N, C-alpha and C. Protein backbone atom coordinates (compact mmCIF):
# COMPACT_ATOMS: atom_id res chain seq x y z
N MET A 1 123.70 38.96 144.53
CA MET A 1 123.20 38.35 143.34
C MET A 1 122.83 39.28 142.24
N LYS A 2 123.31 39.21 141.02
CA LYS A 2 123.10 40.16 139.97
C LYS A 2 121.68 40.04 139.42
N PRO A 3 121.05 41.09 138.94
CA PRO A 3 119.79 41.02 138.25
C PRO A 3 119.92 40.34 136.95
N ALA A 4 118.84 39.80 136.42
CA ALA A 4 118.96 39.17 135.11
C ALA A 4 119.49 40.09 134.02
N ALA A 5 120.34 39.53 133.11
CA ALA A 5 120.80 40.29 132.03
C ALA A 5 119.73 40.47 130.91
N ARG A 6 119.99 41.38 130.00
CA ARG A 6 119.09 41.62 128.98
C ARG A 6 118.70 40.35 128.25
N ASN A 7 117.37 40.19 127.95
CA ASN A 7 116.84 39.00 127.32
C ASN A 7 116.90 37.73 128.19
N ALA A 8 117.38 37.85 129.35
CA ALA A 8 117.37 36.68 130.31
C ALA A 8 116.07 36.76 131.15
N ARG A 9 115.72 35.71 131.79
CA ARG A 9 114.60 35.70 132.63
C ARG A 9 114.99 35.97 134.07
N PHE A 10 114.18 36.71 134.77
CA PHE A 10 114.27 36.91 136.19
C PHE A 10 113.97 35.61 136.84
N ARG A 11 114.79 35.30 137.90
CA ARG A 11 114.61 33.97 138.58
C ARG A 11 113.81 34.19 139.86
N VAL A 12 112.74 33.48 140.03
CA VAL A 12 111.73 33.62 141.07
C VAL A 12 111.83 32.36 141.96
N PHE A 13 111.95 32.55 143.30
CA PHE A 13 112.04 31.39 144.23
C PHE A 13 110.72 31.65 145.14
N LEU A 14 110.05 30.48 145.37
CA LEU A 14 108.74 30.50 146.03
C LEU A 14 108.87 29.83 147.45
N VAL A 15 108.46 30.50 148.44
CA VAL A 15 108.44 29.88 149.80
C VAL A 15 107.06 29.96 150.40
N ASP A 16 106.37 28.79 150.43
CA ASP A 16 105.03 28.64 150.92
C ASP A 16 104.80 27.20 151.38
N ASP A 17 104.09 26.96 152.48
CA ASP A 17 103.94 25.57 152.97
C ASP A 17 102.82 24.88 152.34
N HIS A 18 102.10 25.53 151.40
CA HIS A 18 100.94 24.85 150.75
C HIS A 18 101.37 24.57 149.25
N PRO A 19 101.47 23.31 148.92
CA PRO A 19 101.84 22.86 147.60
C PRO A 19 100.97 23.39 146.55
N LEU A 20 99.67 23.58 146.81
CA LEU A 20 98.76 24.02 145.77
C LEU A 20 99.01 25.51 145.51
N VAL A 21 99.40 26.23 146.51
CA VAL A 21 99.64 27.66 146.32
C VAL A 21 100.91 27.85 145.43
N ARG A 22 101.90 27.01 145.73
CA ARG A 22 103.17 27.08 144.99
C ARG A 22 102.86 26.63 143.50
N GLU A 23 102.07 25.63 143.28
CA GLU A 23 101.65 25.19 141.94
C GLU A 23 100.95 26.32 141.22
N TRP A 24 99.99 26.99 141.88
CA TRP A 24 99.25 28.10 141.36
C TRP A 24 100.22 29.15 140.89
N LEU A 25 101.07 29.60 141.76
CA LEU A 25 102.10 30.64 141.41
C LEU A 25 102.97 30.22 140.26
N ALA A 26 103.45 29.02 140.34
CA ALA A 26 104.39 28.57 139.35
C ALA A 26 103.70 28.51 137.94
N SER A 27 102.47 28.14 137.93
CA SER A 27 101.69 28.08 136.64
C SER A 27 101.51 29.47 136.01
N MET A 28 101.31 30.46 136.88
CA MET A 28 101.17 31.77 136.42
C MET A 28 102.49 32.39 135.90
N ILE A 29 103.52 32.14 136.65
CA ILE A 29 104.87 32.68 136.27
C ILE A 29 105.38 31.99 135.00
N ALA A 30 104.99 30.73 134.77
CA ALA A 30 105.40 30.07 133.58
C ALA A 30 104.85 30.63 132.33
N LEU A 31 103.82 31.43 132.43
CA LEU A 31 103.22 32.16 131.29
C LEU A 31 103.89 33.48 130.97
N GLU A 32 104.75 33.95 131.80
CA GLU A 32 105.47 35.17 131.63
C GLU A 32 106.84 34.92 130.95
N SER A 33 107.06 35.60 129.84
CA SER A 33 108.30 35.42 129.08
C SER A 33 109.58 35.91 129.79
N ASP A 34 109.40 36.83 130.73
CA ASP A 34 110.57 37.32 131.43
C ASP A 34 110.80 36.79 132.85
N LEU A 35 109.98 35.87 133.21
CA LEU A 35 110.12 35.26 134.55
C LEU A 35 110.25 33.70 134.43
N GLU A 36 110.96 33.14 135.44
CA GLU A 36 111.04 31.66 135.58
C GLU A 36 111.21 31.29 137.03
N ILE A 37 110.73 30.09 137.38
CA ILE A 37 110.85 29.58 138.73
C ILE A 37 112.23 28.90 138.82
N CYS A 38 113.02 29.32 139.85
CA CYS A 38 114.38 28.70 140.06
C CYS A 38 114.38 27.80 141.26
N GLY A 39 113.24 27.71 142.03
CA GLY A 39 113.24 26.82 143.13
C GLY A 39 112.05 27.12 143.99
N GLN A 40 111.73 26.13 144.93
CA GLN A 40 110.67 26.17 145.87
C GLN A 40 111.10 25.61 147.23
N ALA A 41 110.47 26.05 148.24
CA ALA A 41 110.65 25.59 149.60
C ALA A 41 109.33 25.73 150.42
N GLU A 42 109.21 24.95 151.42
CA GLU A 42 107.95 25.00 152.22
C GLU A 42 108.29 25.47 153.63
N GLU A 43 109.61 25.65 154.00
CA GLU A 43 109.97 26.10 155.31
C GLU A 43 111.24 26.91 155.22
N VAL A 44 111.56 27.51 156.34
CA VAL A 44 112.71 28.53 156.47
C VAL A 44 113.98 27.91 156.20
N ALA A 45 114.34 26.83 156.81
CA ALA A 45 115.67 26.20 156.72
C ALA A 45 115.93 25.78 155.25
N ALA A 46 114.91 25.16 154.62
CA ALA A 46 115.09 24.66 153.26
C ALA A 46 115.30 25.85 152.35
N ALA A 47 114.49 26.91 152.54
CA ALA A 47 114.68 28.05 151.71
C ALA A 47 116.09 28.70 151.76
N LEU A 48 116.59 28.86 152.97
CA LEU A 48 117.96 29.42 153.15
C LEU A 48 119.02 28.51 152.49
N ALA A 49 118.82 27.17 152.69
CA ALA A 49 119.84 26.27 152.15
C ALA A 49 119.83 26.29 150.65
N ALA A 50 118.74 26.59 150.02
CA ALA A 50 118.61 26.51 148.54
C ALA A 50 119.13 27.77 147.91
N MET A 51 119.30 28.88 148.65
CA MET A 51 119.65 30.12 148.00
C MET A 51 120.90 30.12 147.15
N PRO A 52 122.03 29.63 147.70
CA PRO A 52 123.31 29.66 146.88
C PRO A 52 123.17 28.97 145.50
N LEU A 53 122.47 27.87 145.45
CA LEU A 53 122.38 27.19 144.13
C LEU A 53 121.26 27.79 143.30
N ALA A 54 120.16 28.22 143.86
CA ALA A 54 118.98 28.71 143.10
C ALA A 54 119.35 30.11 142.51
N LYS A 55 120.10 30.96 143.20
CA LYS A 55 120.49 32.28 142.76
C LYS A 55 119.24 33.10 142.27
N PRO A 56 118.26 33.26 143.14
CA PRO A 56 117.07 33.98 142.72
C PRO A 56 117.33 35.54 142.61
N ASN A 57 116.53 36.16 141.74
CA ASN A 57 116.46 37.64 141.73
C ASN A 57 115.48 38.12 142.70
N ILE A 58 114.46 37.25 142.96
CA ILE A 58 113.31 37.67 143.92
C ILE A 58 112.83 36.40 144.62
N VAL A 59 112.57 36.58 145.89
CA VAL A 59 111.89 35.52 146.61
C VAL A 59 110.55 35.88 147.04
N VAL A 60 109.52 35.08 146.78
CA VAL A 60 108.11 35.34 147.13
C VAL A 60 107.83 34.51 148.32
N VAL A 61 107.59 35.13 149.47
CA VAL A 61 107.55 34.30 150.76
C VAL A 61 106.22 34.58 151.48
N ASP A 62 105.66 33.52 152.00
CA ASP A 62 104.52 33.59 152.87
C ASP A 62 104.99 33.89 154.31
N LEU A 63 104.16 34.38 155.16
CA LEU A 63 104.55 34.69 156.54
C LEU A 63 104.39 33.52 157.55
N THR A 64 103.38 32.70 157.28
CA THR A 64 103.14 31.58 158.15
C THR A 64 103.73 30.30 157.61
N LEU A 65 104.87 29.90 158.19
CA LEU A 65 105.64 28.75 157.71
C LEU A 65 105.90 27.76 158.79
N PRO A 66 106.07 26.43 158.47
CA PRO A 66 106.42 25.46 159.54
C PRO A 66 107.87 25.76 160.06
N ARG A 67 107.96 25.50 161.36
CA ARG A 67 109.31 25.55 162.02
C ARG A 67 110.01 26.88 161.73
N GLY A 68 109.29 27.89 161.86
CA GLY A 68 109.92 29.27 161.59
C GLY A 68 108.92 30.29 161.17
N SER A 69 109.40 31.51 161.13
CA SER A 69 108.57 32.62 160.82
C SER A 69 109.01 33.24 159.41
N GLY A 70 108.04 33.55 158.64
CA GLY A 70 108.38 34.26 157.37
C GLY A 70 109.05 35.55 157.62
N LEU A 71 108.76 36.31 158.73
CA LEU A 71 109.43 37.53 159.00
C LEU A 71 110.89 37.24 159.32
N GLU A 72 111.18 36.22 160.07
CA GLU A 72 112.62 35.86 160.39
C GLU A 72 113.33 35.46 159.14
N LEU A 73 112.65 34.74 158.20
CA LEU A 73 113.34 34.39 156.99
C LEU A 73 113.70 35.66 156.18
N ILE A 74 112.77 36.68 156.11
CA ILE A 74 113.09 37.89 155.48
C ILE A 74 114.28 38.57 156.05
N LYS A 75 114.34 38.62 157.39
CA LYS A 75 115.57 39.28 158.01
C LYS A 75 116.85 38.46 157.66
N ASP A 76 116.78 37.11 157.63
CA ASP A 76 117.95 36.37 157.34
C ASP A 76 118.37 36.53 155.84
N LEU A 77 117.32 36.61 154.93
CA LEU A 77 117.63 36.76 153.50
C LEU A 77 118.27 38.14 153.26
N ARG A 78 117.79 39.16 153.95
CA ARG A 78 118.37 40.52 153.76
C ARG A 78 119.80 40.51 154.27
N ALA A 79 120.11 39.82 155.36
CA ALA A 79 121.38 39.81 155.89
C ALA A 79 122.36 39.01 155.07
N GLN A 80 121.95 37.81 154.55
CA GLN A 80 122.82 36.93 153.86
C GLN A 80 122.84 37.15 152.31
N PHE A 81 121.79 37.64 151.81
CA PHE A 81 121.66 37.82 150.38
C PHE A 81 121.08 39.22 150.02
N PRO A 82 121.79 40.27 150.32
CA PRO A 82 121.11 41.61 150.29
C PRO A 82 120.71 42.02 148.85
N ALA A 83 121.22 41.41 147.85
CA ALA A 83 120.80 41.81 146.48
C ALA A 83 119.52 41.16 146.03
N VAL A 84 119.00 40.24 146.78
CA VAL A 84 117.79 39.57 146.42
C VAL A 84 116.57 40.38 146.85
N ARG A 85 115.65 40.56 145.95
CA ARG A 85 114.42 41.31 146.20
C ARG A 85 113.41 40.37 146.93
N LEU A 86 112.56 40.90 147.80
CA LEU A 86 111.73 40.08 148.68
C LEU A 86 110.28 40.67 148.60
N LEU A 87 109.34 39.74 148.24
CA LEU A 87 107.99 40.05 148.13
C LEU A 87 107.21 39.10 149.09
N VAL A 88 106.48 39.68 150.04
CA VAL A 88 105.58 38.88 150.85
C VAL A 88 104.28 38.65 150.11
N LEU A 89 103.79 37.36 150.08
CA LEU A 89 102.57 37.05 149.51
C LEU A 89 101.77 36.20 150.59
N THR A 90 100.74 36.75 151.18
CA THR A 90 100.13 36.21 152.37
C THR A 90 98.66 36.35 152.37
N THR A 91 98.00 35.67 153.30
CA THR A 91 96.59 35.97 153.55
C THR A 91 96.35 37.11 154.54
N HIS A 92 97.41 37.50 155.26
CA HIS A 92 97.30 38.60 156.27
C HIS A 92 97.08 39.93 155.56
N ASP A 93 95.99 40.57 155.73
CA ASP A 93 95.72 41.91 155.15
C ASP A 93 95.64 43.02 156.08
N GLU A 94 96.38 42.93 157.22
CA GLU A 94 96.36 43.97 158.20
C GLU A 94 97.57 44.84 158.01
N ALA A 95 97.37 46.16 158.17
CA ALA A 95 98.49 47.08 158.00
C ALA A 95 99.62 46.88 158.97
N THR A 96 99.27 46.45 160.18
CA THR A 96 100.31 46.27 161.24
C THR A 96 101.25 45.17 160.82
N ILE A 97 100.70 44.11 160.21
CA ILE A 97 101.53 42.98 159.78
C ILE A 97 102.39 43.42 158.60
N ALA A 98 101.86 44.14 157.76
CA ALA A 98 102.60 44.62 156.58
C ALA A 98 103.79 45.56 157.08
N GLU A 99 103.45 46.43 158.07
CA GLU A 99 104.56 47.23 158.63
C GLU A 99 105.72 46.36 159.12
N ARG A 100 105.40 45.31 159.77
CA ARG A 100 106.43 44.48 160.30
C ARG A 100 107.27 43.84 159.20
N ALA A 101 106.55 43.44 158.09
CA ALA A 101 107.25 42.84 157.04
C ALA A 101 108.21 43.85 156.40
N PHE A 102 107.77 45.07 156.19
CA PHE A 102 108.68 46.12 155.65
C PHE A 102 109.76 46.42 156.51
N ARG A 103 109.50 46.42 157.87
CA ARG A 103 110.66 46.71 158.82
C ARG A 103 111.66 45.57 158.81
N ALA A 104 111.18 44.38 158.57
CA ALA A 104 112.06 43.22 158.51
C ALA A 104 112.95 43.18 157.26
N GLY A 105 112.50 43.96 156.29
CA GLY A 105 113.27 44.02 155.04
C GLY A 105 112.64 43.71 153.81
N ALA A 106 111.32 43.43 153.80
CA ALA A 106 110.58 43.17 152.56
C ALA A 106 110.54 44.41 151.69
N HIS A 107 110.53 44.15 150.39
CA HIS A 107 110.39 45.25 149.36
C HIS A 107 108.95 45.42 148.85
N GLY A 108 108.06 44.38 149.08
CA GLY A 108 106.70 44.39 148.71
C GLY A 108 105.83 43.49 149.56
N TYR A 109 104.56 43.79 149.52
CA TYR A 109 103.55 43.06 150.37
C TYR A 109 102.28 42.96 149.54
N ALA A 110 102.00 41.76 149.15
CA ALA A 110 100.73 41.47 148.38
C ALA A 110 99.91 40.44 149.16
N VAL A 111 98.64 40.48 148.82
CA VAL A 111 97.67 39.57 149.54
C VAL A 111 97.17 38.51 148.57
N LYS A 112 97.05 37.31 149.03
CA LYS A 112 96.77 36.15 148.14
C LYS A 112 95.39 36.25 147.44
N ARG A 113 94.47 37.00 148.02
CA ARG A 113 93.18 37.06 147.40
C ARG A 113 93.19 38.00 146.16
N GLU A 114 94.30 38.65 145.93
CA GLU A 114 94.40 39.52 144.76
C GLU A 114 94.40 38.67 143.52
N SER A 115 94.07 39.22 142.39
CA SER A 115 94.08 38.48 141.15
C SER A 115 95.50 38.18 140.67
N GLY A 116 95.57 37.13 139.85
CA GLY A 116 96.88 36.75 139.27
C GLY A 116 97.68 37.90 138.65
N PRO A 117 96.99 38.70 137.80
CA PRO A 117 97.68 39.79 137.18
C PRO A 117 98.19 40.78 138.13
N HIS A 118 97.50 41.01 139.28
CA HIS A 118 98.02 41.99 140.29
C HIS A 118 99.24 41.37 140.98
N ILE A 119 99.28 40.07 141.21
CA ILE A 119 100.41 39.42 141.88
C ILE A 119 101.70 39.56 140.89
N ILE A 120 101.47 39.30 139.61
CA ILE A 120 102.51 39.46 138.60
C ILE A 120 103.08 40.89 138.63
N GLU A 121 102.07 41.81 138.69
CA GLU A 121 102.51 43.23 138.81
C GLU A 121 103.28 43.51 140.02
N ALA A 122 102.93 42.88 141.11
CA ALA A 122 103.83 43.14 142.34
C ALA A 122 105.15 42.58 142.18
N ILE A 123 105.29 41.40 141.57
CA ILE A 123 106.61 40.79 141.31
C ILE A 123 107.47 41.71 140.39
N ARG A 124 106.90 42.19 139.38
CA ARG A 124 107.57 43.08 138.47
C ARG A 124 107.95 44.39 139.19
N ALA A 125 107.13 44.93 139.88
CA ALA A 125 107.40 46.20 140.61
C ALA A 125 108.63 46.06 141.54
N VAL A 126 108.58 44.95 142.25
CA VAL A 126 109.69 44.70 143.20
C VAL A 126 110.97 44.43 142.53
N LEU A 127 110.88 43.74 141.38
CA LEU A 127 112.09 43.46 140.59
C LEU A 127 112.60 44.79 140.01
N ALA A 128 111.78 45.75 139.70
CA ALA A 128 112.14 47.03 139.17
C ALA A 128 112.83 47.93 140.19
N GLY A 129 112.88 47.51 141.45
CA GLY A 129 113.46 48.38 142.43
C GLY A 129 112.50 49.14 143.18
N LYS A 130 111.20 48.93 143.00
CA LYS A 130 110.16 49.76 143.63
C LYS A 130 109.69 49.05 144.91
N PHE A 131 109.09 49.76 145.83
CA PHE A 131 108.34 49.18 146.96
C PHE A 131 106.90 48.99 146.55
N TYR A 132 106.33 47.86 146.84
CA TYR A 132 104.91 47.57 146.48
C TYR A 132 104.15 47.29 147.68
N ALA A 133 102.95 47.79 147.77
CA ALA A 133 101.94 47.42 148.84
C ALA A 133 100.62 47.15 148.17
N SER A 134 99.98 46.14 148.58
CA SER A 134 98.61 45.71 148.10
C SER A 134 97.73 47.01 148.16
N PRO A 135 96.97 47.25 147.07
CA PRO A 135 96.05 48.35 147.07
C PRO A 135 95.12 48.38 148.26
N ALA A 136 94.74 47.16 148.80
CA ALA A 136 93.80 47.11 149.97
C ALA A 136 94.49 47.67 151.17
N LEU A 137 95.88 47.73 151.18
CA LEU A 137 96.50 48.10 152.40
C LEU A 137 97.14 49.58 152.38
N THR A 138 97.18 50.12 151.23
CA THR A 138 97.89 51.45 151.12
C THR A 138 97.19 52.47 151.98
N ALA A 139 95.83 52.55 151.96
CA ALA A 139 95.16 53.58 152.76
C ALA A 139 95.41 53.33 154.19
N GLN A 140 95.36 52.06 154.63
CA GLN A 140 95.68 51.70 156.05
C GLN A 140 97.01 52.14 156.47
N LEU A 141 98.05 51.84 155.60
CA LEU A 141 99.37 52.19 155.93
C LEU A 141 99.55 53.66 156.04
N ALA A 142 98.97 54.45 155.11
CA ALA A 142 99.07 55.87 155.16
C ALA A 142 98.40 56.46 156.38
N GLY A 143 97.24 55.89 156.74
CA GLY A 143 96.49 56.37 157.95
C GLY A 143 97.33 56.16 159.18
N ARG A 144 97.97 55.00 159.30
CA ARG A 144 98.84 54.79 160.49
C ARG A 144 100.09 55.80 160.55
N MET A 145 100.64 55.95 159.40
CA MET A 145 101.81 56.83 159.34
C MET A 145 101.44 58.20 159.74
N PHE A 146 100.32 58.75 159.22
CA PHE A 146 100.01 60.13 159.53
C PHE A 146 99.32 60.32 160.92
N SER A 147 98.68 59.27 161.45
CA SER A 147 98.14 59.35 162.77
C SER A 147 99.12 59.13 163.86
N GLY A 148 100.34 58.50 163.47
CA GLY A 148 101.34 58.19 164.43
C GLY A 148 101.05 56.96 165.28
N SER A 149 100.00 56.20 164.88
CA SER A 149 99.60 55.04 165.65
C SER A 149 100.70 53.93 165.59
N ALA A 150 101.50 53.97 164.58
CA ALA A 150 102.52 52.96 164.40
C ALA A 150 103.69 53.23 165.41
N GLN A 151 103.77 54.43 165.97
CA GLN A 151 104.87 54.66 166.90
C GLN A 151 104.40 55.00 168.35
N ASN A 152 103.15 54.84 168.65
CA ASN A 152 102.68 55.27 169.88
C ASN A 152 102.96 54.32 171.06
N GLY A 153 103.47 53.10 170.73
CA GLY A 153 103.86 52.23 171.79
C GLY A 153 102.76 51.58 172.49
N ARG A 154 101.51 51.80 172.15
CA ARG A 154 100.36 51.26 172.93
C ARG A 154 99.63 50.13 172.32
N SER A 155 99.79 49.98 171.02
CA SER A 155 99.17 48.87 170.29
C SER A 155 99.83 47.54 170.60
N PRO A 156 99.05 46.48 170.63
CA PRO A 156 99.66 45.13 170.74
C PRO A 156 100.76 44.89 169.71
N ALA A 157 100.57 45.47 168.48
CA ALA A 157 101.56 45.31 167.46
C ALA A 157 102.90 45.86 167.84
N ASP A 158 102.92 46.85 168.71
CA ASP A 158 104.18 47.47 169.16
C ASP A 158 104.79 46.73 170.33
N LEU A 159 104.03 45.91 170.99
CA LEU A 159 104.48 45.27 172.26
C LEU A 159 104.79 43.85 172.06
N LEU A 160 104.21 43.18 171.14
CA LEU A 160 104.31 41.75 170.98
C LEU A 160 105.32 41.32 169.97
N SER A 161 105.94 40.18 170.15
CA SER A 161 106.79 39.62 169.10
C SER A 161 105.99 39.16 167.92
N ASP A 162 106.69 38.82 166.85
CA ASP A 162 105.98 38.32 165.63
C ASP A 162 105.04 37.12 165.91
N ARG A 163 105.55 36.20 166.60
CA ARG A 163 104.74 34.95 166.88
C ARG A 163 103.63 35.29 167.93
N GLU A 164 104.00 36.05 168.91
CA GLU A 164 102.93 36.49 169.92
C GLU A 164 101.77 37.21 169.20
N LEU A 165 102.14 38.16 168.28
CA LEU A 165 101.09 38.88 167.51
C LEU A 165 100.21 37.95 166.63
N GLU A 166 100.85 36.95 166.09
CA GLU A 166 100.13 35.97 165.20
C GLU A 166 99.09 35.23 166.13
N VAL A 167 99.55 34.71 167.36
CA VAL A 167 98.65 34.03 168.21
C VAL A 167 97.54 34.94 168.64
N PHE A 168 97.88 36.18 169.02
CA PHE A 168 96.88 37.22 169.40
C PHE A 168 95.80 37.36 168.36
N LYS A 169 96.24 37.52 167.11
CA LYS A 169 95.39 37.71 166.00
C LYS A 169 94.44 36.54 165.81
N GLN A 170 95.03 35.39 165.86
CA GLN A 170 94.22 34.20 165.69
C GLN A 170 93.16 33.98 166.71
N ARG A 171 93.55 34.39 167.98
CA ARG A 171 92.56 34.31 169.08
C ARG A 171 91.47 35.21 168.79
N GLY A 172 91.74 36.48 168.28
CA GLY A 172 90.72 37.45 167.94
C GLY A 172 89.75 37.00 166.83
N GLN A 173 90.27 36.04 166.05
CA GLN A 173 89.36 35.48 164.94
C GLN A 173 88.62 34.26 165.42
N GLY A 174 88.72 33.96 166.75
CA GLY A 174 87.91 32.90 167.28
C GLY A 174 88.50 31.57 167.42
N ARG A 175 89.76 31.47 166.97
CA ARG A 175 90.38 30.14 166.99
C ARG A 175 90.82 29.68 168.39
N GLY A 176 90.75 28.43 168.68
CA GLY A 176 91.19 27.86 169.91
C GLY A 176 92.66 27.48 169.85
N ALA A 177 93.21 27.16 170.99
CA ALA A 177 94.61 26.86 171.09
C ALA A 177 95.05 25.73 170.16
N LYS A 178 94.29 24.63 170.00
CA LYS A 178 94.60 23.54 169.13
C LYS A 178 94.60 24.01 167.70
N GLU A 179 93.59 24.82 167.32
CA GLU A 179 93.59 25.28 165.92
C GLU A 179 94.86 26.16 165.63
N ILE A 180 95.22 27.02 166.58
CA ILE A 180 96.34 27.95 166.36
C ILE A 180 97.65 27.10 166.28
N ALA A 181 97.76 26.05 167.20
CA ALA A 181 98.87 25.23 167.18
C ALA A 181 99.11 24.55 165.78
N ASP A 182 97.97 24.00 165.24
CA ASP A 182 98.05 23.34 163.98
C ASP A 182 98.45 24.38 162.87
N LEU A 183 97.91 25.54 162.89
CA LEU A 183 98.15 26.60 161.93
C LEU A 183 99.64 26.97 161.94
N LEU A 184 100.23 27.15 163.11
CA LEU A 184 101.55 27.66 163.26
C LEU A 184 102.60 26.47 163.31
N HIS A 185 102.13 25.26 163.26
CA HIS A 185 102.98 24.08 163.25
C HIS A 185 103.83 24.02 164.56
N VAL A 186 103.14 24.30 165.63
CA VAL A 186 103.78 24.19 167.06
C VAL A 186 102.84 23.37 167.94
N SER A 187 103.32 23.10 169.11
CA SER A 187 102.47 22.39 170.09
C SER A 187 101.49 23.31 170.77
N VAL A 188 100.45 22.68 171.40
CA VAL A 188 99.49 23.47 172.15
C VAL A 188 100.20 24.10 173.33
N LYS A 189 101.16 23.38 173.92
CA LYS A 189 101.93 23.94 175.06
C LYS A 189 102.69 25.23 174.63
N THR A 190 103.21 25.19 173.40
CA THR A 190 103.89 26.41 172.90
C THR A 190 102.98 27.62 172.70
N VAL A 191 101.77 27.31 172.30
CA VAL A 191 100.79 28.34 172.16
C VAL A 191 100.47 28.91 173.51
N GLY A 192 100.34 28.00 174.59
CA GLY A 192 100.16 28.54 175.89
C GLY A 192 101.17 29.35 176.43
N SER A 193 102.45 29.06 176.09
CA SER A 193 103.58 29.91 176.47
C SER A 193 103.46 31.34 175.81
N TYR A 194 103.11 31.30 174.57
CA TYR A 194 102.95 32.65 173.86
C TYR A 194 101.88 33.47 174.52
N GLU A 195 100.76 32.76 174.87
CA GLU A 195 99.66 33.42 175.49
C GLU A 195 100.03 33.98 176.91
N ALA A 196 100.84 33.25 177.62
CA ALA A 196 101.29 33.72 178.88
C ALA A 196 102.11 35.00 178.80
N ARG A 197 102.97 35.05 177.74
CA ARG A 197 103.76 36.28 177.53
C ARG A 197 102.88 37.41 177.07
N ILE A 198 101.82 37.13 176.22
CA ILE A 198 101.02 38.12 175.78
C ILE A 198 100.19 38.71 176.94
N LYS A 199 99.68 37.94 177.80
CA LYS A 199 99.02 38.45 179.03
C LYS A 199 99.86 39.35 179.84
N GLU A 200 101.14 38.88 180.00
CA GLU A 200 102.06 39.71 180.84
C GLU A 200 102.32 41.06 180.22
N LYS A 201 102.61 41.06 178.94
CA LYS A 201 102.95 42.30 178.20
C LYS A 201 101.76 43.25 178.11
N LEU A 202 100.51 42.71 177.92
CA LEU A 202 99.34 43.53 177.80
C LEU A 202 98.64 43.85 179.08
N GLY A 203 99.10 43.25 180.26
CA GLY A 203 98.49 43.49 181.46
C GLY A 203 97.11 42.78 181.64
N LEU A 204 96.95 41.60 181.04
CA LEU A 204 95.66 40.91 181.05
C LEU A 204 95.74 39.74 182.08
N GLU A 205 94.57 39.45 182.77
CA GLU A 205 94.53 38.57 183.82
C GLU A 205 94.37 37.04 183.40
N ASN A 206 93.56 36.95 182.30
CA ASN A 206 93.25 35.52 181.90
C ASN A 206 93.00 35.44 180.43
N VAL A 207 92.78 34.23 179.92
CA VAL A 207 92.55 33.99 178.48
C VAL A 207 91.29 34.73 178.07
N GLY A 208 90.28 34.81 178.88
CA GLY A 208 89.11 35.58 178.49
C GLY A 208 89.39 37.00 178.17
N GLU A 209 90.18 37.62 179.01
CA GLU A 209 90.51 39.04 178.74
C GLU A 209 91.37 39.12 177.42
N LEU A 210 92.23 38.15 177.29
CA LEU A 210 93.11 38.13 176.10
C LEU A 210 92.20 37.99 174.83
N MET A 211 91.23 37.15 174.84
CA MET A 211 90.32 36.97 173.67
C MET A 211 89.51 38.19 173.42
N ARG A 212 88.98 38.88 174.48
CA ARG A 212 88.24 40.12 174.29
C ARG A 212 89.14 41.16 173.59
N GLU A 213 90.34 41.36 174.17
CA GLU A 213 91.20 42.38 173.60
C GLU A 213 91.60 42.05 172.18
N ALA A 214 91.81 40.75 171.87
CA ALA A 214 92.18 40.37 170.53
C ALA A 214 91.06 40.65 169.54
N VAL A 215 89.82 40.36 169.92
CA VAL A 215 88.65 40.63 169.11
C VAL A 215 88.57 42.10 168.72
N LEU A 216 88.75 42.93 169.81
CA LEU A 216 88.65 44.42 169.58
C LEU A 216 89.83 44.88 168.72
N TRP A 217 91.02 44.37 168.87
CA TRP A 217 92.16 44.73 168.03
C TRP A 217 91.86 44.34 166.64
N ASN A 218 91.37 43.15 166.40
CA ASN A 218 91.10 42.69 165.01
C ASN A 218 90.01 43.64 164.37
N ASP A 219 89.05 43.99 165.09
CA ASP A 219 88.03 44.89 164.59
C ASP A 219 88.61 46.26 164.22
N ARG A 220 89.53 46.71 165.05
CA ARG A 220 90.13 48.05 164.71
C ARG A 220 90.95 47.93 163.45
N GLN A 221 91.63 46.80 163.27
CA GLN A 221 92.43 46.64 162.05
C GLN A 221 91.60 46.64 160.74
N ARG A 222 90.31 46.21 160.96
CA ARG A 222 89.42 46.18 159.82
C ARG A 222 88.61 47.44 159.70
N GLY A 223 88.87 48.34 160.61
CA GLY A 223 88.11 49.63 160.55
C GLY A 223 86.73 49.64 161.11
N LEU A 224 86.43 48.61 161.97
CA LEU A 224 85.03 48.39 162.45
C LEU A 224 84.87 49.23 163.78
């Protein structure tokens, strides 16, 4: 897909399962003379189906989506529509999650708690061919790169799948299986299956050990 021509607007497609978030983003983008919304979706399948007609220059995508993963959507978009720029906009402010997004093919990573002008700045940076990382994450990302922790193979982030890591993180934040199931739009049984694989991969005996390790991991991500 070709970038916008001179004096044309860049086409922005939003993928987020919260209508209020999409409305908030759309209202900000509507104020920008060089940007326009070309479509919206709340899940992976709908987003992929809309791409040929919407013809976006950039897709702004959340990571937690119904019936699919934002990271998987990013991989699919890179494979099927390689000219489209991809910006993650999420509540996840951990460097390990950002690393996964960049490895999946994202060109930028912004956090929802940032101000509107910063999010518009992120969109423009990615459209300009740059890589963008939220200021809150740049120091963490640099620290992991220089320490080698991203490649040492010992962190849960290196051992778990995207969904497993999400369940692990949510356990570390004190959420129960039902809360996690609701958040990820899956069944409690599915959460249990993820936790069984987490325990196997991390060598943990029970959910209690899983929760303890998850809390410690979350604390390390926040530098505590």
